Amino acid sequence: MPAAPATPPSLPVTFRPTRTRVVLLTVGVAVFAVLTVIALLLERLNAGERTSFIFTGGLFFAVLALLSRPHVSADEKGVTVVNLTRTRRLEWAEILAVNLRVGDPWVSLDLADGTSLPAMGIQPGIAKQQAIRDASALRALAERYGTGTPSD
């Protein structure tokens, strides 16, 4: 990964895979709308079948909305990592390194307790350069505000 930017971004800042989020939510709305229209237009369906079409569309949308949830928010006190179903608040001192290696699906944070935390809010999927910039910015913030050992 390229070197950290000379000046970290101003706080508070939120990193999220915007393109991925737009695609997921657009597809979710489209599928929900199509299934709802089909349910309402097909005259041969009874009320239960119509309901199941609409429910399936809503369920599909809910899953895609869940997949679009991840983000990483940073402020003066620390970082909040929101992944699919879990949210974790970290103080800057807890973050030792911000890693985004070639082939990684998302950033991982090396923590002071010896564990690693995936930060799915920064992922190179369909916006690789943006993910690299975001990871570099988060690394610069961790090095500036953290008391842990900066990464190499």
N, C-alpha and C. Protein backbone atom coordinates (compact mmCIF):
# COMPACT_ATOMS: atom_id res chain seq x y z
N MET A 1 0.84 -1.17 0.00
CA MET A 1 0.00 0.00 0.00
C MET A 1 0.88 1.23 0.00
N PRO A 2 0.46 2.32 -0.68
CA PRO A 2 1.27 3.52 -0.72
C PRO A 2 1.42 4.14 0.66
N ALA A 3 2.41 5.01 0.79
CA ALA A 3 2.67 5.68 2.06
C ALA A 3 1.48 6.53 2.47
N ALA A 4 1.36 6.75 3.78
CA ALA A 4 0.26 7.54 4.31
C ALA A 4 0.36 8.98 3.82
N PRO A 5 -0.81 9.64 3.66
CA PRO A 5 -0.76 11.03 3.23
C PRO A 5 -0.07 11.88 4.27
N ALA A 6 0.54 12.99 3.82
CA ALA A 6 1.27 13.88 4.72
C ALA A 6 0.35 14.46 5.78
N THR A 7 -0.87 14.82 5.40
CA THR A 7 -1.82 15.41 6.33
C THR A 7 -3.05 14.51 6.43
N PRO A 8 -3.35 14.01 7.63
CA PRO A 8 -4.56 13.19 7.77
C PRO A 8 -5.80 14.05 7.52
N PRO A 9 -6.92 13.43 7.14
CA PRO A 9 -8.14 14.20 6.91
C PRO A 9 -8.64 14.82 8.21
N SER A 10 -9.44 15.86 8.08
CA SER A 10 -10.00 16.48 9.27
C SER A 10 -11.08 15.57 9.85
N LEU A 11 -11.22 15.64 11.15
CA LEU A 11 -12.18 14.80 11.86
C LEU A 11 -13.43 15.60 12.20
N PRO A 12 -14.56 14.98 12.29
CA PRO A 12 -14.86 13.56 12.08
C PRO A 12 -14.91 13.22 10.58
N VAL A 13 -14.65 11.94 10.28
CA VAL A 13 -14.66 11.47 8.90
C VAL A 13 -15.26 10.06 8.89
N THR A 14 -15.98 9.75 7.82
CA THR A 14 -16.57 8.42 7.66
C THR A 14 -16.10 7.83 6.34
N PHE A 15 -15.63 6.59 6.40
CA PHE A 15 -15.20 5.86 5.21
C PHE A 15 -16.24 4.78 4.94
N ARG A 16 -16.72 4.71 3.71
CA ARG A 16 -17.65 3.65 3.33
C ARG A 16 -17.47 3.34 1.85
N PRO A 17 -17.76 2.10 1.45
CA PRO A 17 -17.64 1.74 0.03
C PRO A 17 -18.85 2.28 -0.74
N THR A 18 -18.80 3.53 -1.14
CA THR A 18 -19.96 4.22 -1.70
C THR A 18 -20.50 3.56 -2.96
N ARG A 19 -19.63 3.21 -3.90
CA ARG A 19 -20.11 2.59 -5.14
C ARG A 19 -20.80 1.26 -4.86
N THR A 20 -20.19 0.46 -4.03
CA THR A 20 -20.79 -0.83 -3.68
C THR A 20 -22.14 -0.62 -3.02
N ARG A 21 -22.22 0.35 -2.13
CA ARG A 21 -23.48 0.67 -1.44
C ARG A 21 -24.57 1.09 -2.43
N VAL A 22 -24.21 1.94 -3.38
CA VAL A 22 -25.18 2.40 -4.38
C VAL A 22 -25.69 1.23 -5.21
N VAL A 23 -24.78 0.38 -5.65
CA VAL A 23 -25.17 -0.78 -6.45
C VAL A 23 -26.10 -1.70 -5.66
N LEU A 24 -25.73 -2.03 -4.43
CA LEU A 24 -26.54 -2.94 -3.62
C LEU A 24 -27.93 -2.38 -3.36
N LEU A 25 -28.02 -1.12 -2.97
CA LEU A 25 -29.33 -0.54 -2.66
C LEU A 25 -30.17 -0.36 -3.92
N THR A 26 -29.55 -0.02 -5.04
CA THR A 26 -30.29 0.12 -6.29
C THR A 26 -30.86 -1.22 -6.73
N VAL A 27 -30.05 -2.26 -6.68
CA VAL A 27 -30.53 -3.59 -7.05
C VAL A 27 -31.64 -4.04 -6.09
N GLY A 28 -31.47 -3.77 -4.80
CA GLY A 28 -32.49 -4.15 -3.82
C GLY A 28 -33.82 -3.48 -4.07
N VAL A 29 -33.79 -2.19 -4.35
CA VAL A 29 -35.03 -1.46 -4.65
C VAL A 29 -35.66 -1.98 -5.94
N ALA A 30 -34.82 -2.22 -6.96
CA ALA A 30 -35.34 -2.71 -8.24
C ALA A 30 -36.00 -4.08 -8.09
N VAL A 31 -35.36 -4.99 -7.39
CA VAL A 31 -35.93 -6.33 -7.22
C VAL A 31 -37.23 -6.26 -6.41
N PHE A 32 -37.22 -5.46 -5.35
CA PHE A 32 -38.44 -5.30 -4.55
C PHE A 32 -39.58 -4.73 -5.40
N ALA A 33 -39.27 -3.72 -6.21
CA ALA A 33 -40.30 -3.10 -7.06
C ALA A 33 -40.82 -4.09 -8.10
N VAL A 34 -39.92 -4.83 -8.74
CA VAL A 34 -40.35 -5.80 -9.76
C VAL A 34 -41.22 -6.89 -9.15
N LEU A 35 -40.82 -7.44 -8.02
CA LEU A 35 -41.61 -8.49 -7.39
C LEU A 35 -42.96 -7.96 -6.90
N THR A 36 -42.99 -6.73 -6.44
CA THR A 36 -44.26 -6.14 -6.01
C THR A 36 -45.18 -5.92 -7.20
N VAL A 37 -44.65 -5.40 -8.29
CA VAL A 37 -45.46 -5.20 -9.50
C VAL A 37 -45.98 -6.53 -10.02
N ILE A 38 -45.13 -7.54 -10.06
CA ILE A 38 -45.57 -8.88 -10.50
C ILE A 38 -46.70 -9.38 -9.60
N ALA A 39 -46.53 -9.22 -8.29
CA ALA A 39 -47.55 -9.69 -7.35
C ALA A 39 -48.88 -8.99 -7.58
N LEU A 40 -48.84 -7.72 -7.91
CA LEU A 40 -50.08 -6.96 -8.09
C LEU A 40 -50.70 -7.16 -9.47
N LEU A 41 -49.90 -7.47 -10.48
CA LEU A 41 -50.41 -7.61 -11.84
C LEU A 41 -50.90 -9.01 -12.19
N LEU A 42 -50.35 -10.02 -11.58
CA LEU A 42 -50.78 -11.38 -11.90
C LEU A 42 -52.15 -11.66 -11.27
N GLU A 43 -53.14 -11.79 -12.11
CA GLU A 43 -54.51 -11.95 -11.62
C GLU A 43 -54.75 -13.33 -11.00
N ARG A 44 -54.00 -14.32 -11.37
CA ARG A 44 -54.22 -15.68 -10.90
C ARG A 44 -53.72 -15.91 -9.47
N LEU A 45 -53.00 -14.96 -8.91
CA LEU A 45 -52.45 -15.14 -7.56
C LEU A 45 -53.50 -14.82 -6.51
N ASN A 46 -53.51 -15.64 -5.45
CA ASN A 46 -54.39 -15.32 -4.33
C ASN A 46 -53.64 -14.38 -3.37
N ALA A 47 -54.27 -13.96 -2.32
CA ALA A 47 -53.69 -12.98 -1.39
C ALA A 47 -52.39 -13.50 -0.75
N GLY A 48 -52.36 -14.79 -0.39
CA GLY A 48 -51.16 -15.36 0.22
C GLY A 48 -49.98 -15.38 -0.72
N GLU A 49 -50.25 -15.70 -1.98
CA GLU A 49 -49.18 -15.72 -2.98
C GLU A 49 -48.66 -14.31 -3.26
N ARG A 50 -49.58 -13.35 -3.32
CA ARG A 50 -49.16 -11.95 -3.52
C ARG A 50 -48.27 -11.50 -2.35
N THR A 51 -48.72 -11.85 -1.16
CA THR A 51 -47.96 -11.48 0.03
C THR A 51 -46.57 -12.12 0.02
N SER A 52 -46.49 -13.37 -0.42
CA SER A 52 -45.19 -14.04 -0.43
C SER A 52 -44.25 -13.41 -1.47
N PHE A 53 -44.77 -12.97 -2.60
CA PHE A 53 -43.94 -12.25 -3.57
C PHE A 53 -43.38 -10.98 -2.95
N ILE A 54 -44.25 -10.20 -2.34
CA ILE A 54 -43.82 -8.93 -1.74
C ILE A 54 -42.87 -9.18 -0.58
N PHE A 55 -43.15 -10.19 0.24
CA PHE A 55 -42.27 -10.53 1.35
C PHE A 55 -40.89 -10.94 0.84
N THR A 56 -40.85 -11.73 -0.21
CA THR A 56 -39.56 -12.16 -0.79
C THR A 56 -38.77 -10.96 -1.29
N GLY A 57 -39.44 -10.03 -1.95
CA GLY A 57 -38.77 -8.81 -2.41
C GLY A 57 -38.24 -8.00 -1.24
N GLY A 58 -39.05 -7.89 -0.18
CA GLY A 58 -38.61 -7.16 1.01
C GLY A 58 -37.43 -7.84 1.69
N LEU A 59 -37.46 -9.16 1.75
CA LEU A 59 -36.36 -9.92 2.35
C LEU A 59 -35.08 -9.74 1.53
N PHE A 60 -35.21 -9.79 0.21
CA PHE A 60 -34.05 -9.59 -0.67
C PHE A 60 -33.47 -8.20 -0.44
N PHE A 61 -34.34 -7.18 -0.38
CA PHE A 61 -33.88 -5.82 -0.13
C PHE A 61 -33.19 -5.72 1.23
N ALA A 62 -33.76 -6.36 2.26
CA ALA A 62 -33.18 -6.29 3.60
C ALA A 62 -31.77 -6.89 3.63
N VAL A 63 -31.57 -7.99 2.93
CA VAL A 63 -30.23 -8.62 2.89
C VAL A 63 -29.24 -7.69 2.19
N LEU A 64 -29.65 -7.09 1.09
CA LEU A 64 -28.74 -6.17 0.38
C LEU A 64 -28.49 -4.90 1.19
N ALA A 65 -29.48 -4.43 1.93
CA ALA A 65 -29.28 -3.27 2.80
C ALA A 65 -28.29 -3.62 3.91
N LEU A 66 -28.38 -4.83 4.45
CA LEU A 66 -27.43 -5.28 5.46
C LEU A 66 -26.01 -5.32 4.89
N LEU A 67 -25.87 -5.80 3.66
CA LEU A 67 -24.55 -5.86 3.02
C LEU A 67 -24.00 -4.46 2.72
N SER A 68 -24.87 -3.46 2.64
CA SER A 68 -24.41 -2.09 2.36
C SER A 68 -24.12 -1.30 3.63
N ARG A 69 -24.31 -1.90 4.78
CA ARG A 69 -24.17 -1.22 6.07
C ARG A 69 -22.75 -0.86 6.49
N PRO A 70 -21.71 -1.64 6.19
CA PRO A 70 -20.39 -1.39 6.75
C PRO A 70 -19.85 0.02 6.47
N HIS A 71 -19.26 0.59 7.51
CA HIS A 71 -18.53 1.85 7.41
C HIS A 71 -17.59 2.00 8.59
N VAL A 72 -16.67 2.91 8.47
CA VAL A 72 -15.70 3.19 9.52
C VAL A 72 -15.77 4.69 9.78
N SER A 73 -16.09 5.07 11.01
CA SER A 73 -16.17 6.49 11.38
C SER A 73 -15.07 6.80 12.38
N ALA A 74 -14.38 7.91 12.15
CA ALA A 74 -13.29 8.31 13.04
C ALA A 74 -13.59 9.71 13.58
N ASP A 75 -13.29 9.90 14.86
CA ASP A 75 -13.38 11.22 15.47
C ASP A 75 -12.17 11.39 16.38
N GLU A 76 -12.13 12.47 17.14
CA GLU A 76 -10.96 12.76 17.97
C GLU A 76 -10.70 11.69 19.03
N LYS A 77 -11.73 10.98 19.47
CA LYS A 77 -11.58 10.00 20.55
C LYS A 77 -11.26 8.59 20.05
N GLY A 78 -11.58 8.30 18.80
CA GLY A 78 -11.31 6.96 18.31
C GLY A 78 -12.06 6.63 17.04
N VAL A 79 -12.27 5.34 16.83
CA VAL A 79 -12.85 4.83 15.60
C VAL A 79 -14.03 3.93 15.94
N THR A 80 -15.09 4.05 15.15
CA THR A 80 -16.22 3.13 15.25
C THR A 80 -16.24 2.31 13.97
N VAL A 81 -16.14 0.99 14.12
CA VAL A 81 -16.15 0.07 12.99
C VAL A 81 -17.51 -0.61 12.96
N VAL A 82 -18.26 -0.38 11.89
CA VAL A 82 -19.57 -0.99 11.72
C VAL A 82 -19.44 -2.01 10.60
N ASN A 83 -19.55 -3.30 10.95
CA ASN A 83 -19.52 -4.37 9.96
C ASN A 83 -20.95 -4.84 9.72
N LEU A 84 -21.14 -6.01 9.18
CA LEU A 84 -22.49 -6.45 8.82
C LEU A 84 -23.45 -6.45 10.00
N THR A 85 -23.10 -7.13 11.06
CA THR A 85 -24.03 -7.25 12.19
C THR A 85 -23.47 -6.73 13.50
N ARG A 86 -22.23 -6.31 13.52
CA ARG A 86 -21.60 -5.86 14.75
C ARG A 86 -21.00 -4.48 14.60
N THR A 87 -21.01 -3.76 15.71
CA THR A 87 -20.39 -2.44 15.78
C THR A 87 -19.41 -2.47 16.93
N ARG A 88 -18.22 -1.93 16.70
CA ARG A 88 -17.21 -1.91 17.76
C ARG A 88 -16.56 -0.53 17.81
N ARG A 89 -16.49 0.01 19.00
CA ARG A 89 -15.86 1.31 19.23
C ARG A 89 -14.44 1.07 19.75
N LEU A 90 -13.45 1.72 19.15
CA LEU A 90 -12.06 1.58 19.54
C LEU A 90 -11.48 2.95 19.87
N GLU A 91 -10.68 2.99 20.91
CA GLU A 91 -9.90 4.19 21.20
C GLU A 91 -8.70 4.17 20.26
N TRP A 92 -8.15 5.34 19.94
CA TRP A 92 -7.00 5.39 19.05
C TRP A 92 -5.83 4.55 19.54
N ALA A 93 -5.63 4.52 20.85
CA ALA A 93 -4.50 3.77 21.42
C ALA A 93 -4.62 2.26 21.18
N GLU A 94 -5.82 1.77 20.93
CA GLU A 94 -6.03 0.35 20.70
C GLU A 94 -5.58 -0.10 19.30
N ILE A 95 -5.44 0.84 18.37
CA ILE A 95 -5.12 0.51 16.99
C ILE A 95 -3.61 0.62 16.77
N LEU A 96 -2.98 -0.52 16.50
CA LEU A 96 -1.54 -0.54 16.26
C LEU A 96 -1.20 -0.38 14.78
N ALA A 97 -2.03 -0.95 13.91
CA ALA A 97 -1.73 -0.89 12.47
C ALA A 97 -3.02 -0.97 11.67
N VAL A 98 -2.99 -0.34 10.51
CA VAL A 98 -4.08 -0.39 9.54
C VAL A 98 -3.51 -1.07 8.30
N ASN A 99 -4.06 -2.24 7.95
CA ASN A 99 -3.50 -3.04 6.86
C ASN A 99 -4.49 -3.21 5.72
N LEU A 100 -4.02 -3.02 4.50
CA LEU A 100 -4.76 -3.37 3.29
C LEU A 100 -3.73 -3.93 2.31
N ARG A 101 -3.60 -5.25 2.33
CA ARG A 101 -2.62 -5.90 1.47
C ARG A 101 -3.26 -6.30 0.14
N VAL A 102 -2.45 -6.55 -0.85
CA VAL A 102 -2.95 -6.99 -2.15
C VAL A 102 -3.77 -8.26 -1.95
N GLY A 103 -4.97 -8.27 -2.47
CA GLY A 103 -5.84 -9.44 -2.37
C GLY A 103 -6.75 -9.44 -1.16
N ASP A 104 -6.54 -8.54 -0.22
CA ASP A 104 -7.42 -8.46 0.95
C ASP A 104 -8.80 -7.96 0.53
N PRO A 105 -9.87 -8.54 1.07
CA PRO A 105 -11.21 -8.07 0.72
C PRO A 105 -11.58 -6.76 1.41
N TRP A 106 -10.89 -6.43 2.50
CA TRP A 106 -11.14 -5.19 3.23
C TRP A 106 -9.97 -4.93 4.16
N VAL A 107 -9.98 -3.77 4.77
CA VAL A 107 -8.93 -3.37 5.71
C VAL A 107 -9.03 -4.22 6.97
N SER A 108 -7.89 -4.49 7.57
CA SER A 108 -7.89 -5.12 8.90
C SER A 108 -7.09 -4.23 9.83
N LEU A 109 -7.54 -4.17 11.06
CA LEU A 109 -6.89 -3.36 12.09
C LEU A 109 -6.20 -4.29 13.07
N ASP A 110 -4.90 -4.11 13.27
CA ASP A 110 -4.18 -4.85 14.30
C ASP A 110 -4.36 -4.10 15.60
N LEU A 111 -4.85 -4.81 16.62
CA LEU A 111 -5.20 -4.17 17.88
C LEU A 111 -4.19 -4.48 18.98
N ALA A 112 -4.18 -3.62 19.98
CA ALA A 112 -3.22 -3.73 21.08
C ALA A 112 -3.41 -5.02 21.89
N ASP A 113 -4.60 -5.61 21.86
CA ASP A 113 -4.84 -6.84 22.62
C ASP A 113 -4.37 -8.08 21.88
N GLY A 114 -3.71 -7.89 20.72
CA GLY A 114 -3.17 -9.01 19.96
C GLY A 114 -4.12 -9.57 18.93
N THR A 115 -5.31 -9.04 18.83
CA THR A 115 -6.28 -9.52 17.85
C THR A 115 -6.28 -8.60 16.63
N SER A 116 -7.04 -9.03 15.65
CA SER A 116 -7.21 -8.26 14.43
C SER A 116 -8.70 -8.06 14.20
N LEU A 117 -9.10 -6.90 13.73
CA LEU A 117 -10.51 -6.59 13.50
C LEU A 117 -10.69 -6.22 12.04
N PRO A 118 -11.58 -6.94 11.32
CA PRO A 118 -11.86 -6.52 9.95
C PRO A 118 -12.65 -5.22 9.96
N ALA A 119 -12.31 -4.31 9.07
CA ALA A 119 -13.03 -3.06 8.90
C ALA A 119 -13.62 -3.07 7.49
N MET A 120 -14.79 -3.67 7.35
CA MET A 120 -15.40 -3.89 6.04
C MET A 120 -15.83 -2.60 5.35
N GLY A 121 -15.79 -1.49 6.06
CA GLY A 121 -16.17 -0.21 5.48
C GLY A 121 -15.15 0.33 4.49
N ILE A 122 -13.97 -0.26 4.47
CA ILE A 122 -12.96 0.12 3.47
C ILE A 122 -12.60 -1.16 2.72
N GLN A 123 -13.17 -1.30 1.52
CA GLN A 123 -12.96 -2.51 0.73
C GLN A 123 -12.69 -2.15 -0.72
N PRO A 124 -11.69 -2.79 -1.32
CA PRO A 124 -11.28 -2.42 -2.67
C PRO A 124 -12.16 -2.97 -3.78
N GLY A 125 -13.18 -3.73 -3.50
CA GLY A 125 -14.06 -4.32 -4.51
C GLY A 125 -14.12 -3.61 -5.85
N ILE A 126 -15.08 -2.67 -6.02
CA ILE A 126 -15.23 -1.99 -7.31
C ILE A 126 -14.64 -0.57 -7.30
N ALA A 127 -13.98 -0.20 -6.21
CA ALA A 127 -13.36 1.13 -6.12
C ALA A 127 -12.00 1.01 -5.43
N LYS A 128 -11.08 0.32 -6.09
CA LYS A 128 -9.79 0.00 -5.49
C LYS A 128 -8.99 1.23 -5.08
N GLN A 129 -8.89 2.22 -5.94
CA GLN A 129 -8.09 3.40 -5.63
C GLN A 129 -8.68 4.17 -4.44
N GLN A 130 -10.00 4.25 -4.38
CA GLN A 130 -10.65 4.93 -3.25
C GLN A 130 -10.36 4.18 -1.95
N ALA A 131 -10.39 2.86 -1.99
CA ALA A 131 -10.10 2.06 -0.80
C ALA A 131 -8.66 2.27 -0.35
N ILE A 132 -7.74 2.36 -1.29
CA ILE A 132 -6.33 2.60 -0.94
C ILE A 132 -6.18 3.97 -0.30
N ARG A 133 -6.83 4.98 -0.86
CA ARG A 133 -6.77 6.33 -0.27
C ARG A 133 -7.39 6.34 1.13
N ASP A 134 -8.54 5.66 1.29
CA ASP A 134 -9.19 5.63 2.60
C ASP A 134 -8.34 4.90 3.63
N ALA A 135 -7.74 3.78 3.23
CA ALA A 135 -6.88 3.03 4.15
C ALA A 135 -5.66 3.87 4.55
N SER A 136 -5.09 4.58 3.59
CA SER A 136 -3.95 5.45 3.89
C SER A 136 -4.35 6.57 4.85
N ALA A 137 -5.53 7.14 4.63
CA ALA A 137 -6.01 8.21 5.50
C ALA A 137 -6.25 7.68 6.91
N LEU A 138 -6.86 6.51 7.03
CA LEU A 138 -7.10 5.92 8.36
C LEU A 138 -5.77 5.59 9.04
N ARG A 139 -4.81 5.09 8.26
CA ARG A 139 -3.48 4.81 8.82
C ARG A 139 -2.83 6.09 9.34
N ALA A 140 -2.93 7.17 8.57
CA ALA A 140 -2.35 8.45 9.00
C ALA A 140 -3.02 8.95 10.28
N LEU A 141 -4.33 8.78 10.37
CA LEU A 141 -5.05 9.19 11.59
C LEU A 141 -4.61 8.35 12.79
N ALA A 142 -4.47 7.03 12.58
CA ALA A 142 -4.04 6.15 13.66
C ALA A 142 -2.63 6.50 14.12
N GLU A 143 -1.77 6.85 13.19
CA GLU A 143 -0.41 7.22 13.57
C GLU A 143 -0.38 8.57 14.28
N ARG A 144 -1.28 9.46 13.91
CA ARG A 144 -1.31 10.79 14.53
C ARG A 144 -1.93 10.77 15.92
N TYR A 145 -3.06 10.09 16.06
CA TYR A 145 -3.80 10.13 17.32
C TYR A 145 -3.51 8.96 18.23
N GLY A 146 -2.99 7.87 17.69
CA GLY A 146 -2.76 6.68 18.50
C GLY A 146 -1.47 6.74 19.28
N THR A 147 -1.40 5.89 20.28
CA THR A 147 -0.18 5.80 21.07
C THR A 147 0.50 4.46 20.84
N GLY A 148 -0.12 3.64 19.98
CA GLY A 148 0.46 2.34 19.66
C GLY A 148 1.61 2.49 18.70
N THR A 149 2.21 1.37 18.33
CA THR A 149 3.33 1.36 17.40
C THR A 149 2.79 1.50 15.99
N PRO A 150 3.23 2.51 15.22
CA PRO A 150 2.76 2.65 13.85
C PRO A 150 3.24 1.50 12.98
N SER A 151 2.45 1.19 11.92
CA SER A 151 2.83 0.10 11.02
C SER A 151 3.94 0.55 10.10
N ASP A 152 4.63 -0.44 9.51
CA ASP A 152 5.73 -0.13 8.58
C ASP A 152 5.18 0.16 7.21
